[in-house]
Protein backbone atom coordinates (compact mmCIF):
# COMPACT_ATOMS: atom_id res chain seq x y z
CA MET A 1 148.83 90.97 93.28
CA LYS A 2 148.66 94.07 90.83
CA LYS A 3 145.49 93.97 89.29
CA LEU A 4 144.47 95.80 85.86
CA ILE A 5 141.22 96.65 84.94
CA LYS A 6 140.54 96.69 81.01
CA ASN A 7 138.18 97.79 78.66
CA GLY A 8 135.94 100.08 80.83
CA THR A 9 134.63 103.24 80.58
CA ILE A 10 136.37 105.41 83.59
CA VAL A 11 134.00 108.50 84.89
CA THR A 12 135.15 110.63 87.63
CA ALA A 13 133.32 113.93 88.64
CA ALA A 14 135.34 115.92 86.02
CA ASP A 15 136.37 113.50 82.92
CA THR A 16 134.89 110.59 81.09
CA PHE A 17 137.50 108.34 79.10
CA THR A 18 138.39 104.65 78.06
CA GLY A 19 141.39 103.63 79.50
CA ASP A 20 143.08 101.09 82.10
CA VAL A 21 143.56 101.20 85.66
CA ALA A 22 146.36 99.73 87.45
CA ILE A 23 145.98 98.97 90.98
CA GLU A 24 149.06 97.72 93.46
CA ASN A 25 149.05 97.49 97.21
CA GLY A 26 145.39 99.05 97.61
CA ILE A 27 146.34 102.08 95.46
CA ILE A 28 146.03 103.22 91.88
CA THR A 29 149.09 103.43 90.41
CA GLU A 30 148.33 104.00 86.78
CA ILE A 31 145.79 105.39 84.36
CA GLY A 32 146.05 104.93 80.85
CA LEU A 33 145.64 103.18 77.49
CA ASN A 34 147.34 100.07 76.67
CA LEU A 35 148.75 99.67 80.20
CA LYS A 36 151.51 96.58 80.20
CA ALA A 37 149.92 93.85 82.24
CA ASP A 38 153.18 92.61 83.86
CA GLY A 39 151.57 89.53 85.46
CA ALA A 40 148.79 91.57 86.86
CA GLU A 41 145.45 89.71 87.09
CA ILE A 42 143.03 91.19 84.48
CA ILE A 43 139.69 92.30 85.24
CA ASP A 44 137.59 93.15 82.05
CA ALA A 45 135.00 95.98 82.31
CA SER A 46 133.93 95.52 78.80
CA GLY A 47 130.31 97.28 78.52
CA CYS A 48 131.01 98.97 81.75
CA TYR A 49 131.41 102.03 83.86
CA VAL A 50 134.43 102.31 85.90
CA PHE A 51 133.23 104.60 89.23
CA PRO A 52 135.07 105.40 92.40
CA GLY A 53 133.49 104.11 94.76
CA GLY A 54 130.63 105.40 96.63
CA VAL A 55 130.79 107.72 99.82
CA ASP A 56 127.86 107.41 101.91
CA PRO A 57 127.85 110.31 104.47
CA HIS A 58 124.91 109.05 106.40
CA THR A 59 124.42 105.91 108.24
CA HIS A 60 122.88 104.74 111.37
CA LEU A 61 124.20 101.10 112.15
CA ASP A 62 123.98 99.41 115.11
CA MET A 63 122.00 102.28 116.69
CA PRO A 64 119.63 102.60 119.45
CA PHE A 65 116.37 104.53 119.12
CA GLY A 66 112.93 104.36 120.67
CA GLY A 67 113.48 101.54 122.83
CA THR A 68 115.01 99.21 120.30
CA VAL A 69 118.20 98.99 117.84
CA THR A 70 118.50 99.08 114.04
CA ALA A 71 118.75 95.83 112.19
CA ASP A 72 121.44 96.08 110.40
CA ASP A 73 124.90 96.18 112.42
CA PHE A 74 128.58 97.23 110.87
CA GLU A 75 128.76 93.77 109.45
CA THR A 76 125.33 93.34 107.53
CA GLY A 77 124.85 96.97 106.78
CA THR A 78 128.35 97.32 105.32
CA ILE A 79 127.90 94.10 103.02
CA ALA A 80 124.52 95.45 101.45
CA ALA A 81 126.49 98.84 100.95
CA ALA A 82 129.45 96.96 99.05
CA TYR A 83 126.31 95.24 97.09
CA GLY A 84 125.20 98.57 96.19
CA GLY A 85 128.37 100.12 95.04
CA THR A 86 129.30 102.03 98.23
CA THR A 87 132.69 101.54 99.41
CA THR A 88 133.31 104.33 102.46
CA VAL A 89 130.34 105.06 105.19
CA ILE A 90 130.40 107.63 108.07
CA ASP A 91 128.02 106.36 110.67
CA PHE A 92 126.94 108.81 113.62
CA CYS A 93 128.21 108.29 117.18
CA LEU A 94 125.72 109.32 119.68
CA THR A 95 126.81 110.75 122.74
CA SER A 96 125.19 111.06 126.38
CA LYS A 97 124.95 114.17 128.26
CA GLY A 98 127.13 113.98 131.41
CA LEU A 99 129.45 111.30 130.07
CA PRO A 100 132.97 111.78 128.28
CA LEU A 101 132.85 112.25 124.50
CA GLN A 102 135.66 109.30 124.29
CA GLN A 103 133.33 106.97 125.99
CA ALA A 104 130.82 107.34 123.33
CA VAL A 105 133.78 107.09 120.65
CA ASN A 106 134.99 103.86 121.80
CA THR A 107 131.25 102.34 121.98
CA TRP A 108 131.33 102.95 118.43
CA HIS A 109 134.61 101.19 117.91
CA GLU A 110 133.23 98.23 119.25
CA LYS A 111 130.42 98.29 117.70
CA SER A 112 132.33 98.33 114.24
CA GLN A 113 135.67 96.23 115.11
CA ASP A 114 135.74 93.32 113.22
CA LYS A 115 132.90 93.68 111.53
CA ALA A 116 132.76 96.29 108.47
CA VAL A 117 134.04 95.10 105.14
CA ILE A 118 134.66 98.69 103.71
CA ASP A 119 136.15 101.38 105.51
CA TYR A 120 134.31 103.82 107.62
CA GLY A 121 134.63 107.02 109.65
CA PHE A 122 132.54 108.65 112.60
CA HIS A 123 130.52 111.96 113.19
CA LEU A 124 130.11 112.72 116.48
CA MET A 125 126.89 113.93 117.92
CA VAL A 126 126.95 117.21 120.44
CA SER A 127 124.13 117.22 122.50
CA GLU A 128 125.67 119.77 125.02
CA LEU A 129 128.65 121.97 124.96
CA ASN A 130 129.51 122.90 128.23
CA ASP A 131 133.22 124.04 129.53
CA THR A 132 134.18 119.92 129.75
CA VAL A 133 133.20 118.84 126.35
CA LEU A 134 134.88 121.95 125.07
CA ALA A 135 138.11 120.75 126.97
CA GLU A 136 137.50 117.62 125.20
CA LEU A 137 136.43 118.22 121.57
CA PRO A 138 139.91 119.17 120.31
CA GLN A 139 141.43 115.71 121.61
CA ILE A 140 138.57 114.07 119.74
CA ILE A 141 139.16 116.25 116.63
CA GLU A 142 142.99 115.22 116.60
CA ASN A 143 143.39 111.74 117.92
CA GLU A 144 140.07 110.39 116.48
CA GLY A 145 140.16 112.36 112.95
CA ILE A 146 136.60 112.76 113.55
CA THR A 147 136.18 116.17 111.73
CA SER A 148 132.18 116.75 111.82
CA LEU A 149 129.47 117.38 114.36
CA LYS A 150 125.85 116.66 114.51
CA VAL A 151 123.77 118.79 116.00
CA PHE A 152 119.92 117.79 116.15
CA MET A 153 117.20 120.68 116.14
CA ALA A 154 114.44 118.21 116.57
CA TYR A 155 113.71 115.19 118.63
CA LYS A 156 112.34 117.22 121.87
CA ASN A 157 113.61 115.97 125.51
CA VAL A 158 115.63 112.76 123.49
CA LEU A 159 118.53 114.62 121.20
CA GLN A 160 117.38 118.11 120.43
CA ALA A 161 119.91 120.59 121.35
CA ASP A 162 119.31 124.31 122.23
CA ASP A 163 120.22 127.12 120.02
CA GLY A 164 122.74 128.12 122.51
CA THR A 165 124.19 124.63 121.82
CA LEU A 166 124.11 124.92 117.96
CA PHE A 167 125.68 128.30 118.27
CA LYS A 168 128.71 127.24 120.42
CA THR A 169 129.19 124.24 118.09
CA LEU A 170 129.52 126.50 115.38
CA GLN A 171 131.82 128.59 117.16
CA ALA A 172 134.02 125.63 118.23
CA ALA A 173 133.68 123.92 114.41
CA LYS A 174 135.22 127.21 113.36
CA GLN A 175 138.28 127.41 115.40
CA GLU A 176 138.99 123.62 115.20
CA GLY A 177 138.42 123.08 111.30
CA ALA A 178 135.27 121.09 111.60
CA LEU A 179 131.85 120.73 110.07
CA VAL A 180 128.57 121.28 111.85
CA MET A 181 125.82 119.09 110.59
CA VAL A 182 122.18 119.56 111.42
CA HIS A 183 118.84 117.94 111.52
CA ALA A 184 117.14 120.75 110.79
CA GLU A 185 113.43 120.65 112.07
CA ASN A 186 111.66 122.76 114.77
CA GLY A 187 111.52 120.16 117.51
CA ASP A 188 109.59 122.54 120.04
CA VAL A 189 106.67 123.07 117.19
CA ILE A 190 106.56 119.40 116.42
CA ASP A 191 106.44 118.30 120.05
CA TYR A 192 103.38 120.83 120.28
CA LEU A 193 101.91 119.12 117.22
CA VAL A 194 102.21 115.67 117.82
CA THR A 195 100.78 115.57 121.51
CA LYS A 196 98.07 117.59 119.82
CA ALA A 197 97.13 115.21 117.34
CA LEU A 198 97.54 112.16 119.69
CA ALA A 199 95.03 113.81 122.16
CA GLU A 200 92.51 114.24 119.22
CA GLY A 201 92.84 110.70 118.41
CA ASN A 202 94.68 110.86 115.34
CA THR A 203 97.53 107.66 115.66
CA ASP A 204 97.80 106.61 112.38
CA PRO A 205 101.33 106.58 110.31
CA ILE A 206 100.30 109.50 107.86
CA TYR A 207 100.16 111.84 111.21
CA HIS A 208 103.95 111.45 111.55
CA ALA A 209 103.99 113.34 108.27
CA LEU A 210 101.14 115.96 109.31
CA THR A 211 102.83 117.19 112.58
CA ARG A 212 106.15 117.78 110.80
CA PRO A 213 105.12 120.18 108.11
CA ALA A 214 107.95 121.22 105.59
CA GLU A 215 107.79 124.92 106.91
CA LEU A 216 108.94 123.71 110.15
CA GLU A 217 112.20 122.03 108.33
CA GLY A 218 112.59 125.33 106.27
CA GLU A 219 112.34 127.38 109.06
CA ALA A 220 115.16 125.42 111.07
CA THR A 221 117.19 125.32 108.00
CA GLY A 222 117.31 129.24 107.97
CA ARG A 223 117.74 129.77 111.36
CA ALA A 224 120.83 127.45 111.31
CA ALA A 225 122.36 128.96 108.03
CA TYR A 226 121.97 132.46 109.88
CA LEU A 227 123.51 131.13 113.00
CA THR A 228 126.47 129.95 110.65
CA GLU A 229 126.54 133.17 109.32
CA LEU A 230 126.63 135.12 112.56
CA THR A 231 129.63 132.43 113.66
CA ASP A 232 131.37 132.47 110.19
CA SER A 233 131.50 129.25 110.33
CA GLN A 234 130.45 126.31 108.30
CA LEU A 235 127.31 123.85 108.31
CA TYR A 236 125.91 121.00 106.48
CA VAL A 237 122.19 120.33 106.61
CA VAL A 238 121.57 116.31 106.56
CA HIS A 239 118.32 115.01 104.46
CA VAL A 240 116.61 117.99 102.68
CA THR A 241 113.16 116.90 102.10
CA CYS A 242 111.52 119.82 100.73
CA ALA A 243 111.40 123.04 98.70
CA GLU A 244 111.62 125.23 101.83
CA ALA A 245 114.82 123.86 103.14
CA ALA A 246 116.47 123.51 99.54
CA TRP A 247 115.67 127.13 98.86
CA LYS A 248 116.98 128.34 102.56
CA ILE A 249 120.55 126.88 101.30
CA GLU A 250 120.47 128.16 98.05
CA GLU A 251 119.86 131.80 99.70
CA ALA A 252 122.25 131.24 101.87
CA ARG A 253 125.18 130.02 99.44
CA LYS A 254 124.26 132.90 97.18
CA LYS A 255 125.19 135.33 100.11
CA GLY A 256 128.40 133.37 99.87
CA LEU A 257 128.03 131.30 103.02
CA ARG A 258 129.78 127.66 103.53
CA VAL A 259 126.45 126.23 103.92
CA TYR A 260 126.17 122.85 102.21
CA GLY A 261 123.13 120.41 101.94
CA GLU A 262 122.39 116.51 101.23
CA THR A 263 119.41 114.79 99.98
CA CYS A 264 118.49 110.92 100.47
CA PRO A 265 116.97 108.80 97.51
CA GLN A 266 113.67 108.38 99.34
CA TYR A 267 113.00 112.05 99.06
CA LEU A 268 113.65 111.57 95.53
CA VAL A 269 111.59 109.02 94.46
CA LEU A 270 108.80 108.45 97.26
CA ASP A 271 106.24 110.83 98.55
CA GLN A 272 103.71 111.35 101.48
CA THR A 273 100.94 109.21 100.03
CA ALA A 274 103.21 106.13 101.01
CA LEU A 275 102.20 106.59 104.64
CA GLU A 276 98.63 106.39 104.09
CA LYS A 277 99.13 102.89 102.78
CA PRO A 278 96.24 100.49 104.94
CA ASN A 279 97.01 97.86 107.37
CA PHE A 280 99.73 100.14 109.03
CA GLU A 281 102.02 99.74 106.29
CA GLY A 282 102.27 103.15 106.31
CA ALA A 283 105.02 102.59 109.32
CA LYS A 284 107.48 101.35 106.98
CA TYR A 285 107.98 104.73 105.44
CA VAL A 286 108.31 106.70 109.00
CA TRP A 287 111.36 108.68 108.96
CA SER A 288 112.22 112.08 109.72
CA PRO A 289 112.10 114.51 108.19
CA PRO A 290 108.96 112.78 106.94
CA LEU A 291 108.53 112.15 103.02
CA ARG A 292 106.65 115.35 101.19
CA GLU A 293 104.30 116.08 98.82
CA GLN A 294 105.41 114.56 95.24
CA TRP A 295 105.94 117.90 93.93
CA ASN A 296 109.01 118.60 96.13
CA GLN A 297 111.15 116.08 94.08
CA ASP A 298 111.45 118.21 91.11
CA VAL A 299 113.21 121.17 93.44
CA LEU A 300 115.13 118.32 94.94
CA TRP A 301 116.24 117.37 91.75
CA LYS A 302 116.87 120.74 90.27
CA SER A 303 119.36 121.52 93.45
CA LEU A 304 121.26 118.30 92.90
CA TRP A 305 121.96 119.55 89.38
CA ASN A 306 122.63 123.51 90.07
CA GLY A 307 124.53 122.34 93.19
CA SER A 308 122.64 123.91 95.83
CA LEU A 309 122.75 120.23 97.38
CA GLN A 310 126.27 118.80 96.80
CA THR A 311 125.39 115.21 98.13
CA ILE A 312 123.25 112.20 98.83
CA GLY A 313 123.41 110.21 101.80
CA SER A 314 121.64 106.79 102.60
CA ASP A 315 120.23 107.74 105.94
CA GLN A 316 120.23 104.20 106.43
CA CYS A 317 118.25 103.19 109.68
CA SER A 318 116.82 100.13 109.39
CA PHE A 319 113.84 98.72 111.51
CA ASN A 320 111.92 95.59 110.88
CA PHE A 321 108.37 96.12 109.98
CA LYS A 322 107.46 93.04 112.04
CA GLY A 323 108.22 93.62 115.89
CA GLN A 324 110.11 96.86 115.39
CA LYS A 325 107.73 99.44 113.04
CA GLU A 326 104.79 97.75 115.21
CA LEU A 327 105.84 99.52 118.38
CA GLY A 328 104.00 102.57 117.03
CA LEU A 329 100.80 100.14 116.34
CA GLY A 330 98.34 102.97 118.10
CA ASP A 331 100.78 105.74 118.28
CA PHE A 332 102.66 106.93 115.46
CA SER A 333 105.42 108.55 117.58
CA LYS A 334 106.07 105.36 118.95
CA ILE A 335 107.00 103.89 115.37
CA PRO A 336 110.75 103.68 115.38
CA ASN A 337 112.35 106.41 112.83
CA GLY A 338 114.05 105.05 109.86
CA GLY A 339 114.39 103.07 106.62
CA PRO A 340 116.52 100.68 104.89
CA THR A 341 118.51 102.49 102.13
CA ILE A 342 122.09 101.80 102.15
CA GLU A 343 122.07 99.29 99.20
CA ASP A 344 119.79 101.08 96.74
CA ARG A 345 121.39 104.71 96.87
CA PHE A 346 123.94 104.02 94.25
CA THR A 347 121.19 102.79 91.74
CA ILE A 348 118.34 104.72 92.33
CA LEU A 349 120.63 108.10 91.85
CA TYR A 350 121.94 106.62 88.43
CA SER A 351 118.92 105.14 87.42
CA GLU A 352 116.46 107.87 88.25
CA GLY A 353 119.12 110.81 87.56
CA VAL A 354 121.54 109.91 85.00
CA GLU A 355 119.23 107.48 82.65
CA LYS A 356 116.27 109.70 83.00
CA GLY A 357 118.30 112.73 82.00
CA ARG A 358 117.84 114.70 84.98
CA ILE A 359 121.92 114.75 85.98
CA SER A 360 124.78 114.32 83.99
CA LEU A 361 127.17 111.17 84.50
CA ASN A 362 129.61 113.49 85.97
CA LYS A 363 127.59 115.09 88.27
CA PHE A 364 126.40 111.74 89.20
CA VAL A 365 129.72 110.83 90.56
CA ASP A 366 130.36 113.95 92.06
CA ILE A 367 126.88 113.76 94.01
CA ILE A 368 127.48 109.88 95.04
CA SER A 369 131.02 110.10 95.80
CA THR A 370 133.25 113.07 95.25
CA SER A 371 131.64 115.70 96.89
CA SER A 372 131.14 113.76 100.04
CA ALA A 373 134.73 113.27 100.15
CA LYS A 374 135.86 116.63 99.94
CA LEU A 375 133.49 117.87 102.65
CA PHE A 376 134.27 115.17 104.87
CA GLY A 377 138.24 114.86 104.64
CA LEU A 378 138.71 112.19 102.66
CA PHE A 379 139.79 113.31 99.08
CA PRO A 380 141.76 112.16 97.27
CA GLN A 381 142.27 109.27 99.10
CA LYS A 382 138.49 108.49 98.84
CA GLY A 383 136.10 110.01 96.13
CA THR A 384 137.62 109.66 92.70
CA ILE A 385 139.80 107.34 90.48
CA ALA A 386 143.22 108.91 90.41
CA VAL A 387 146.77 107.95 90.66
CA GLY A 388 147.56 107.79 94.51
CA SER A 389 144.15 107.37 95.53
CA ASP A 390 142.86 104.30 97.19
CA ALA A 391 141.43 101.70 94.61
CA ASP A 392 137.75 101.90 95.77
CA ILE A 393 136.13 101.15 92.40
CA VAL A 394 132.76 100.09 91.03
CA ILE A 395 132.29 98.21 87.73
CA PHE A 396 128.94 99.09 87.15
CA ASP A 397 126.91 97.28 84.28
CA PRO A 398 124.26 100.43 82.76
CA ALA A 399 122.52 97.96 80.70
CA VAL A 400 121.03 95.90 83.50
CA GLN A 401 117.22 96.42 84.05
CA ARG A 402 115.97 94.95 87.49
CA THR A 403 113.32 95.41 90.15
CA LEU A 404 114.28 96.37 93.64
CA SER A 405 112.84 94.02 96.32
CA ALA A 406 113.51 92.54 99.67
CA GLU A 407 113.57 89.05 98.11
CA THR A 408 116.95 90.01 96.27
CA HIS A 409 118.60 92.84 98.83
CA HIS A 410 121.24 92.11 101.13
CA MET A 411 119.96 94.23 104.10
CA ASN A 412 119.03 92.58 107.11
CA VAL A 413 115.30 93.62 107.29
CA ASP A 414 112.13 92.36 106.26
CA TYR A 415 111.16 94.86 103.64
CA ASN A 416 112.30 97.23 100.95
CA ALA A 417 111.31 100.97 100.76
CA PHE A 418 111.65 100.98 97.19
CA GLU A 419 109.62 97.24 96.68
CA GLY A 420 108.96 96.82 93.26
CA PHE A 421 110.60 99.85 91.79
CA GLU A 422 112.20 99.54 88.06
CA VAL A 423 115.71 100.41 87.56
CA LYS A 424 118.57 100.28 85.23
CA GLY A 425 122.01 99.36 85.96
CA GLU A 426 123.78 97.24 88.67
CA PRO A 427 127.15 97.00 90.25
CA VAL A 428 128.75 93.97 89.03
CA SER A 429 131.92 94.02 90.91
CA VAL A 430 133.08 96.24 93.67
CA LEU A 431 136.70 96.81 94.90
CA SER A 432 137.81 98.07 98.71
CA ARG A 433 141.35 99.10 98.45
CA GLY A 434 142.19 96.99 95.75
CA ASP A 435 140.57 93.81 97.13
CA PHE A 436 137.14 92.64 95.67
CA VAL A 437 134.17 92.85 98.30
CA ILE A 438 131.72 91.65 95.68
CA ARG A 439 132.79 90.03 92.69
CA ASN A 440 130.73 88.94 89.85
CA LYS A 441 127.65 90.20 92.13
CA GLN A 442 128.72 87.62 95.00
CA PHE A 443 129.96 88.82 98.07
CA VAL A 444 133.79 87.72 98.67
CA GLY A 445 134.79 90.23 101.28
CA LYS A 446 135.65 89.66 105.13
CA PRO A 447 134.06 91.24 107.73
CA GLY A 448 136.80 93.28 109.63
CA SER A 449 138.72 94.04 106.27
CA GLY A 450 137.33 97.29 106.82
CA LYS A 451 139.17 100.11 108.38
CA TYR A 452 138.68 103.09 110.53
CA LEU A 453 139.22 106.69 108.68
CA ARG A 454 140.53 109.22 110.69
CA ARG A 455 139.67 112.25 108.39
CA LYS A 456 141.38 115.67 107.56
CA ARG A 457 139.73 118.85 109.21
CA PHE A 458 137.30 121.04 107.15
CA GLY A 459 138.99 122.87 104.76
CA ALA A 460 142.68 121.24 104.52
CA ALA A 461 144.33 120.95 101.37
CA PRO A 462 144.16 117.57 99.45
CA VAL A 463 147.59 115.32 99.75
CA LEU A 464 148.16 112.18 97.51
CA PRO A 465 151.04 109.96 98.14
CA ALA A 466 154.09 111.11 96.32
CA LYS A 467 154.89 107.51 95.20
CA ALA A 468 152.61 106.46 91.90
CA GLU A 469 153.72 106.86 88.25
CA VAL A 470 151.43 108.41 85.74
CA SER A 471 151.28 106.61 82.16
CA GLY A 472 149.54 107.46 78.86
CA GLY A 473 149.00 111.16 80.09
CA VAL A 474 145.75 111.01 81.48
CA VAL A 475 144.82 111.24 85.22
């Protein structure tokens, strides 16, 4: 059935205006003033912003780590994402050395099939790049539409790849039109510092942060940028936490390099002191890279505003405090890394960014949706409100004041990383390809309704279907 969103303020990365949005067969067919209803279902957005659905470029759903598996799978995780205003997620597909890449991709398809309630895609982790992998990689990119490759520079003896692998991945990405993503920390030095701390009897959660200092994130970010320059390739640095890394990205971009950066909501509003909470509560805030000293937050906000950092990912990787985080009692290195953030990413960026004057309304849309869609080959199908785009839309009430809490969130985890945080704004209704997933703050979606997205290669020209008509002269 045709739908017509009326009386809202439409916001894209470029424009803010009053208008109507017509939706038919899952796509936006008209945008303009006083569009005719023609039997359409009317959706009243009075007093609300009409945003494009959020694109979360960084999630870990149903992922094994440290002897356990994340508490949120593709069903619970995408339901929570939808409640939070996100309509597209890109999850990380983990490969294993010596096994075909396609086997790993098939495993992730099995994890997500019949579960996701919003659309989703995959990044592909690269742990080795030998002749066998190099021969298979073009097929994965072409057939699966997986056009982003993840390399870990940390987690020695588990996930970490050496510099040669990173260099060869950058070369292959240049040739195949893929974007290389890096977890930028110096894993070798971290491994030494962790071993030393434990030998000295320093086992509390705070030592997770103290053994992964910001200098090692900055060093790895700079090293990855130099290798990107040498290969004339493209690089995306995930979960930037600190000034040292942000400045390295800014420096690379000033040189004209294709280097991009992402931060996460937890790094914008939480700091290292959270890991000092008594009774092992600090374990709730153990993720990598760790939370930093508070002054880094100002640098990250400025980097988002000036474009040195382009996106915000949730880095959703939830583990229950009871039974999972507690695996690290007496040894911080065994605390599963990650936190529950997928549901609050959208509102935290709005409340702490727009409402506090750190970013503009249009910059908010760019960071929460548009830039990720562009970088990862989804624009303009995703990431904007335009004729021909998918009708992924968030009707957002900016006047609501609420408190974030595990008691009210929808993630399948026993704590909220932002417990007690006062925020302004809330998604009221969320549509994915024209169908309600959240309606009047209630879940009305269906597991399995989310579609797998085959993405365009990095730098490919955006294309919209040539079948929609523009009304009112506004697009």
